[in-house]
Amino acid sequence: MASKWVMIAAANGLIAVVAGAFAAHALKSRLAPEGLATLETGARYQMYHALALLAAAWVMSTAPSRSASAAAWCFLLGTILFSGSLYGLCLLKWRWLGPVTPLGGALLIVGWLLLAVAAMGIRSTPTSVEV
């Protein structure tokens, strides 16, 4: 289960890097500065949440729980809605995606809350100290 989420996180990281590079190089002369900034915001948040998916996968492998799984789903769906809507707004000029962006942001927030709840289930093991 956790390995599936690591692969999804890696795919998200890859897409974020490609989107950021695309914005910085191929679209620099084609988009207005506001459009470039919006596209870069989408790529940045996608990368943040690729890392969050890695954290959720780690929690799932350490202390499997519904909260960890739900956090991963919120990060994935939130990224699709948040970053995806920003990409669509900038690249395709689909204005109807504007109201979708906050829904994605709300899912990302819920994902962080669920990850915190899941992390409470991790039991730390004391380490022995040699003298």
N, C-alpha and C. Protein backbone atom coordinates (compact mmCIF):
# COMPACT_ATOMS: atom_id res chain seq x y z
N MET A 1 0.83 -1.20 0.00
CA MET A 1 0.00 0.00 0.00
C MET A 1 0.87 1.26 0.00
N ALA A 2 1.85 1.31 0.90
CA ALA A 2 2.69 2.50 0.98
C ALA A 2 3.50 2.69 -0.30
N SER A 3 3.94 1.60 -0.92
CA SER A 3 4.75 1.74 -2.13
C SER A 3 3.94 2.37 -3.27
N LYS A 4 2.63 2.11 -3.31
CA LYS A 4 1.77 2.74 -4.30
C LYS A 4 1.79 4.26 -4.12
N TRP A 5 1.74 4.71 -2.87
CA TRP A 5 1.73 6.13 -2.59
C TRP A 5 3.08 6.77 -2.88
N VAL A 6 4.17 6.02 -2.68
CA VAL A 6 5.49 6.55 -3.03
C VAL A 6 5.57 6.75 -4.54
N MET A 7 5.04 5.83 -5.31
CA MET A 7 5.04 5.98 -6.77
C MET A 7 4.17 7.18 -7.19
N ILE A 8 3.03 7.35 -6.55
CA ILE A 8 2.17 8.49 -6.86
C ILE A 8 2.87 9.79 -6.48
N ALA A 9 3.55 9.80 -5.35
CA ALA A 9 4.30 10.98 -4.92
C ALA A 9 5.40 11.31 -5.93
N ALA A 10 6.10 10.27 -6.40
CA ALA A 10 7.16 10.48 -7.38
C ALA A 10 6.60 11.05 -8.69
N ALA A 11 5.46 10.54 -9.11
CA ALA A 11 4.82 11.06 -10.33
C ALA A 11 4.43 12.52 -10.15
N ASN A 12 3.91 12.86 -8.98
CA ASN A 12 3.55 14.26 -8.71
C ASN A 12 4.77 15.15 -8.70
N GLY A 13 5.86 14.68 -8.10
CA GLY A 13 7.10 15.45 -8.09
C GLY A 13 7.61 15.68 -9.51
N LEU A 14 7.55 14.64 -10.32
CA LEU A 14 7.97 14.74 -11.72
C LEU A 14 7.14 15.78 -12.46
N ILE A 15 5.83 15.71 -12.31
CA ILE A 15 4.95 16.65 -13.00
C ILE A 15 5.21 18.08 -12.52
N ALA A 16 5.45 18.24 -11.23
CA ALA A 16 5.72 19.58 -10.68
C ALA A 16 6.99 20.17 -11.27
N VAL A 17 8.04 19.35 -11.40
CA VAL A 17 9.29 19.84 -11.98
C VAL A 17 9.09 20.20 -13.45
N VAL A 18 8.38 19.35 -14.18
CA VAL A 18 8.12 19.62 -15.60
C VAL A 18 7.30 20.90 -15.74
N ALA A 19 6.27 21.06 -14.92
CA ALA A 19 5.43 22.27 -15.00
C ALA A 19 6.23 23.52 -14.67
N GLY A 20 7.07 23.44 -13.66
CA GLY A 20 7.90 24.59 -13.30
C GLY A 20 8.89 24.94 -14.39
N ALA A 21 9.53 23.94 -14.97
CA ALA A 21 10.50 24.18 -16.05
C ALA A 21 9.79 24.72 -17.29
N PHE A 22 8.63 24.16 -17.58
CA PHE A 22 7.84 24.61 -18.72
C PHE A 22 7.47 26.08 -18.56
N ALA A 23 7.06 26.45 -17.35
CA ALA A 23 6.70 27.85 -17.08
C ALA A 23 7.91 28.76 -17.21
N ALA A 24 9.04 28.31 -16.66
CA ALA A 24 10.24 29.15 -16.64
C ALA A 24 10.87 29.33 -18.02
N HIS A 25 10.71 28.34 -18.88
CA HIS A 25 11.41 28.40 -20.16
C HIS A 25 10.48 28.55 -21.36
N ALA A 26 9.61 27.61 -21.58
CA ALA A 26 8.78 27.60 -22.79
C ALA A 26 7.68 28.66 -22.77
N LEU A 27 7.18 28.99 -21.60
CA LEU A 27 6.03 29.91 -21.54
C LEU A 27 6.40 31.33 -21.12
N LYS A 28 7.65 31.56 -20.81
CA LYS A 28 8.07 32.87 -20.30
C LYS A 28 7.67 34.01 -21.23
N SER A 29 7.78 33.80 -22.52
CA SER A 29 7.45 34.86 -23.48
C SER A 29 5.99 34.82 -23.94
N ARG A 30 5.26 33.77 -23.53
CA ARG A 30 3.89 33.61 -24.02
C ARG A 30 2.82 33.96 -22.99
N LEU A 31 3.17 33.93 -21.72
CA LEU A 31 2.19 34.22 -20.67
C LEU A 31 2.51 35.55 -20.00
N ALA A 32 1.47 36.21 -19.56
CA ALA A 32 1.65 37.43 -18.77
C ALA A 32 2.31 37.06 -17.45
N PRO A 33 2.97 38.01 -16.80
CA PRO A 33 3.61 37.71 -15.51
C PRO A 33 2.66 37.10 -14.48
N GLU A 34 1.39 37.54 -14.48
CA GLU A 34 0.42 36.96 -13.53
C GLU A 34 0.16 35.49 -13.84
N GLY A 35 0.09 35.17 -15.12
CA GLY A 35 -0.12 33.78 -15.53
C GLY A 35 1.06 32.90 -15.15
N LEU A 36 2.26 33.42 -15.36
CA LEU A 36 3.46 32.67 -14.97
C LEU A 36 3.49 32.44 -13.46
N ALA A 37 3.15 33.48 -12.70
CA ALA A 37 3.15 33.36 -11.24
C ALA A 37 2.12 32.33 -10.79
N THR A 38 0.96 32.32 -11.43
CA THR A 38 -0.08 31.35 -11.09
C THR A 38 0.37 29.93 -11.42
N LEU A 39 0.98 29.75 -12.57
CA LEU A 39 1.49 28.44 -12.97
C LEU A 39 2.58 27.96 -12.00
N GLU A 40 3.46 28.86 -11.61
CA GLU A 40 4.52 28.51 -10.67
C GLU A 40 3.94 28.16 -9.29
N THR A 41 2.87 28.83 -8.89
CA THR A 41 2.20 28.50 -7.63
C THR A 41 1.66 27.07 -7.69
N GLY A 42 1.04 26.72 -8.80
CA GLY A 42 0.53 25.36 -8.97
C GLY A 42 1.64 24.33 -8.88
N ALA A 43 2.76 24.60 -9.55
CA ALA A 43 3.90 23.66 -9.52
C ALA A 43 4.48 23.56 -8.11
N ARG A 44 4.61 24.70 -7.43
CA ARG A 44 5.17 24.70 -6.07
C ARG A 44 4.30 23.90 -5.11
N TYR A 45 3.00 24.14 -5.16
CA TYR A 45 2.10 23.39 -4.27
C TYR A 45 2.04 21.91 -4.63
N GLN A 46 2.17 21.60 -5.91
CA GLN A 46 2.20 20.20 -6.29
C GLN A 46 3.45 19.53 -5.72
N MET A 47 4.58 20.22 -5.74
CA MET A 47 5.80 19.65 -5.18
C MET A 47 5.68 19.50 -3.66
N TYR A 48 5.16 20.53 -2.99
CA TYR A 48 4.98 20.42 -1.53
C TYR A 48 4.17 19.18 -1.19
N HIS A 49 3.13 18.95 -1.96
CA HIS A 49 2.22 17.86 -1.61
C HIS A 49 2.69 16.51 -2.15
N ALA A 50 3.63 16.51 -3.09
CA ALA A 50 4.32 15.27 -3.43
C ALA A 50 5.13 14.82 -2.21
N LEU A 51 5.79 15.78 -1.56
CA LEU A 51 6.54 15.47 -0.34
C LEU A 51 5.61 15.05 0.79
N ALA A 52 4.44 15.69 0.86
CA ALA A 52 3.46 15.31 1.88
C ALA A 52 2.97 13.88 1.64
N LEU A 53 2.81 13.50 0.39
CA LEU A 53 2.43 12.12 0.07
C LEU A 53 3.51 11.14 0.52
N LEU A 54 4.77 11.52 0.38
CA LEU A 54 5.85 10.67 0.89
C LEU A 54 5.74 10.51 2.40
N ALA A 55 5.44 11.60 3.08
CA ALA A 55 5.26 11.53 4.54
C ALA A 55 4.09 10.63 4.90
N ALA A 56 3.00 10.75 4.18
CA ALA A 56 1.83 9.89 4.44
C ALA A 56 2.18 8.43 4.18
N ALA A 57 2.93 8.16 3.13
CA ALA A 57 3.35 6.78 2.85
C ALA A 57 4.22 6.24 3.97
N TRP A 58 5.10 7.07 4.49
CA TRP A 58 5.96 6.65 5.61
C TRP A 58 5.11 6.34 6.84
N VAL A 59 4.15 7.20 7.14
CA VAL A 59 3.27 6.95 8.29
C VAL A 59 2.49 5.66 8.06
N MET A 60 2.00 5.44 6.84
CA MET A 60 1.27 4.20 6.54
C MET A 60 2.14 2.97 6.77
N SER A 61 3.40 3.06 6.43
CA SER A 61 4.28 1.90 6.61
C SER A 61 4.70 1.73 8.07
N THR A 62 4.67 2.81 8.84
CA THR A 62 5.07 2.76 10.25
C THR A 62 3.89 2.43 11.16
N ALA A 63 2.78 3.08 10.93
CA ALA A 63 1.58 2.89 11.76
C ALA A 63 0.35 3.01 10.86
N PRO A 64 0.02 1.94 10.13
CA PRO A 64 -1.11 2.00 9.20
C PRO A 64 -2.40 2.44 9.91
N SER A 65 -3.13 3.33 9.26
CA SER A 65 -4.39 3.80 9.84
C SER A 65 -5.26 4.38 8.73
N ARG A 66 -6.53 4.50 9.04
CA ARG A 66 -7.45 5.14 8.10
C ARG A 66 -7.08 6.60 7.91
N SER A 67 -6.60 7.24 8.98
CA SER A 67 -6.23 8.65 8.89
C SER A 67 -5.09 8.86 7.91
N ALA A 68 -4.09 7.98 7.94
CA ALA A 68 -2.96 8.11 7.02
C ALA A 68 -3.41 7.90 5.58
N SER A 69 -4.25 6.91 5.36
CA SER A 69 -4.77 6.66 4.02
C SER A 69 -5.64 7.82 3.55
N ALA A 70 -6.48 8.32 4.42
CA ALA A 70 -7.34 9.45 4.05
C ALA A 70 -6.50 10.70 3.77
N ALA A 71 -5.42 10.90 4.52
CA ALA A 71 -4.53 12.03 4.28
C ALA A 71 -3.93 11.94 2.89
N ALA A 72 -3.46 10.75 2.52
CA ALA A 72 -2.88 10.56 1.19
C ALA A 72 -3.91 10.88 0.10
N TRP A 73 -5.12 10.38 0.27
CA TRP A 73 -6.17 10.67 -0.72
C TRP A 73 -6.47 12.16 -0.79
N CYS A 74 -6.52 12.82 0.36
CA CYS A 74 -6.77 14.27 0.35
C CYS A 74 -5.64 15.02 -0.35
N PHE A 75 -4.39 14.61 -0.10
CA PHE A 75 -3.27 15.25 -0.78
C PHE A 75 -3.36 15.04 -2.29
N LEU A 76 -3.68 13.83 -2.72
CA LEU A 76 -3.76 13.55 -4.15
C LEU A 76 -4.90 14.32 -4.81
N LEU A 77 -6.10 14.19 -4.26
CA LEU A 77 -7.26 14.87 -4.85
C LEU A 77 -7.13 16.39 -4.74
N GLY A 78 -6.60 16.85 -3.61
CA GLY A 78 -6.38 18.29 -3.43
C GLY A 78 -5.40 18.84 -4.44
N THR A 79 -4.34 18.09 -4.70
CA THR A 79 -3.35 18.52 -5.70
C THR A 79 -3.97 18.57 -7.09
N ILE A 80 -4.74 17.54 -7.42
CA ILE A 80 -5.39 17.52 -8.74
C ILE A 80 -6.30 18.73 -8.89
N LEU A 81 -7.10 19.01 -7.86
CA LEU A 81 -8.04 20.13 -7.96
C LEU A 81 -7.33 21.48 -7.87
N PHE A 82 -6.39 21.62 -6.92
CA PHE A 82 -5.73 22.91 -6.72
C PHE A 82 -4.77 23.21 -7.87
N SER A 83 -3.73 22.39 -8.00
CA SER A 83 -2.73 22.65 -9.04
C SER A 83 -3.33 22.47 -10.43
N GLY A 84 -4.14 21.44 -10.60
CA GLY A 84 -4.75 21.20 -11.90
C GLY A 84 -5.62 22.37 -12.36
N SER A 85 -6.37 22.95 -11.43
CA SER A 85 -7.21 24.09 -11.81
C SER A 85 -6.35 25.30 -12.17
N LEU A 86 -5.24 25.50 -11.44
CA LEU A 86 -4.36 26.62 -11.78
C LEU A 86 -3.72 26.40 -13.15
N TYR A 87 -3.32 25.17 -13.45
CA TYR A 87 -2.76 24.87 -14.78
C TYR A 87 -3.81 25.14 -15.86
N GLY A 88 -5.04 24.68 -15.63
CA GLY A 88 -6.11 24.89 -16.60
C GLY A 88 -6.46 26.35 -16.80
N LEU A 89 -6.44 27.11 -15.71
CA LEU A 89 -6.72 28.55 -15.81
C LEU A 89 -5.67 29.25 -16.66
N CYS A 90 -4.41 28.90 -16.43
CA CYS A 90 -3.31 29.58 -17.15
C CYS A 90 -3.14 29.10 -18.58
N LEU A 91 -3.14 27.81 -18.76
CA LEU A 91 -2.79 27.25 -20.06
C LEU A 91 -3.97 27.16 -21.02
N LEU A 92 -5.15 26.86 -20.49
CA LEU A 92 -6.31 26.65 -21.34
C LEU A 92 -7.33 27.78 -21.25
N LYS A 93 -7.09 28.71 -20.33
CA LYS A 93 -8.00 29.85 -20.12
C LYS A 93 -9.41 29.40 -19.75
N TRP A 94 -9.49 28.28 -19.00
CA TRP A 94 -10.78 27.78 -18.55
C TRP A 94 -11.17 28.50 -17.26
N ARG A 95 -11.86 29.59 -17.38
CA ARG A 95 -12.25 30.42 -16.23
C ARG A 95 -13.17 29.69 -15.25
N TRP A 96 -13.92 28.71 -15.74
CA TRP A 96 -14.84 27.97 -14.88
C TRP A 96 -14.09 27.19 -13.80
N LEU A 97 -12.78 27.02 -13.94
CA LEU A 97 -11.99 26.30 -12.93
C LEU A 97 -11.69 27.15 -11.69
N GLY A 98 -11.93 28.45 -11.79
CA GLY A 98 -11.65 29.34 -10.66
C GLY A 98 -12.24 28.86 -9.34
N PRO A 99 -13.52 28.48 -9.29
CA PRO A 99 -14.11 28.02 -8.03
C PRO A 99 -13.59 26.66 -7.56
N VAL A 100 -12.92 25.92 -8.43
CA VAL A 100 -12.40 24.60 -8.06
C VAL A 100 -11.15 24.73 -7.19
N THR A 101 -10.37 25.76 -7.43
CA THR A 101 -9.10 25.94 -6.72
C THR A 101 -9.26 25.92 -5.20
N PRO A 102 -10.20 26.68 -4.62
CA PRO A 102 -10.35 26.64 -3.16
C PRO A 102 -10.78 25.28 -2.62
N LEU A 103 -11.53 24.51 -3.41
CA LEU A 103 -11.91 23.17 -2.98
C LEU A 103 -10.65 22.29 -2.85
N GLY A 104 -9.77 22.43 -3.82
CA GLY A 104 -8.50 21.70 -3.74
C GLY A 104 -7.69 22.14 -2.54
N GLY A 105 -7.65 23.44 -2.29
CA GLY A 105 -6.93 23.95 -1.13
C GLY A 105 -7.50 23.43 0.18
N ALA A 106 -8.82 23.34 0.25
CA ALA A 106 -9.46 22.81 1.46
C ALA A 106 -9.08 21.34 1.67
N LEU A 107 -9.03 20.56 0.58
CA LEU A 107 -8.62 19.16 0.71
C LEU A 107 -7.17 19.05 1.18
N LEU A 108 -6.31 19.95 0.71
CA LEU A 108 -4.92 19.92 1.15
C LEU A 108 -4.83 20.21 2.65
N ILE A 109 -5.61 21.16 3.13
CA ILE A 109 -5.63 21.48 4.56
C ILE A 109 -6.12 20.28 5.37
N VAL A 110 -7.19 19.65 4.92
CA VAL A 110 -7.72 18.47 5.60
C VAL A 110 -6.67 17.35 5.60
N GLY A 111 -5.94 17.22 4.50
CA GLY A 111 -4.88 16.22 4.43
C GLY A 111 -3.83 16.42 5.51
N TRP A 112 -3.43 17.66 5.72
CA TRP A 112 -2.44 17.94 6.77
C TRP A 112 -2.99 17.61 8.16
N LEU A 113 -4.25 17.93 8.39
CA LEU A 113 -4.87 17.60 9.68
C LEU A 113 -4.91 16.08 9.89
N LEU A 114 -5.30 15.37 8.85
CA LEU A 114 -5.37 13.91 8.94
C LEU A 114 -3.98 13.30 9.12
N LEU A 115 -2.97 13.87 8.48
CA LEU A 115 -1.61 13.38 8.65
C LEU A 115 -1.16 13.56 10.10
N ALA A 116 -1.52 14.69 10.70
CA ALA A 116 -1.18 14.93 12.11
C ALA A 116 -1.88 13.91 13.01
N VAL A 117 -3.14 13.63 12.73
CA VAL A 117 -3.87 12.63 13.52
C VAL A 117 -3.22 11.26 13.35
N ALA A 118 -2.87 10.91 12.12
CA ALA A 118 -2.23 9.61 11.86
C ALA A 118 -0.88 9.52 12.57
N ALA A 119 -0.14 10.61 12.61
CA ALA A 119 1.17 10.60 13.25
C ALA A 119 1.07 10.37 14.75
N MET A 120 -0.07 10.70 15.33
CA MET A 120 -0.24 10.45 16.77
C MET A 120 -0.24 8.96 17.07
N GLY A 121 -0.50 8.14 16.07
CA GLY A 121 -0.51 6.69 16.26
C GLY A 121 0.88 6.05 16.21
N ILE A 122 1.89 6.86 15.88
CA ILE A 122 3.25 6.32 15.81
C ILE A 122 3.80 6.22 17.23
N ARG A 123 4.25 5.05 17.56
CA ARG A 123 4.85 4.83 18.87
C ARG A 123 6.36 4.91 18.72
N SER A 124 6.97 5.77 19.48
CA SER A 124 8.43 5.86 19.42
C SER A 124 9.03 4.78 20.30
N THR A 125 10.11 4.23 19.83
CA THR A 125 10.80 3.20 20.62
C THR A 125 12.03 3.84 21.26
N PRO A 126 12.16 3.68 22.56
CA PRO A 126 13.32 4.29 23.21
C PRO A 126 14.62 3.63 22.73
N THR A 127 15.61 4.44 22.59
CA THR A 127 16.92 3.91 22.18
C THR A 127 17.78 3.73 23.41
N SER A 128 18.58 2.72 23.39
CA SER A 128 19.45 2.51 24.54
C SER A 128 20.72 3.33 24.38
N VAL A 129 21.21 3.82 25.47
CA VAL A 129 22.42 4.63 25.46
C VAL A 129 23.54 3.82 26.09
N GLU A 130 24.60 3.68 25.34
CA GLU A 130 25.74 2.92 25.86
C GLU A 130 26.65 3.86 26.61
N VAL A 131 27.12 3.39 27.76
CA VAL A 131 28.03 4.21 28.56
C VAL A 131 29.42 3.65 28.52
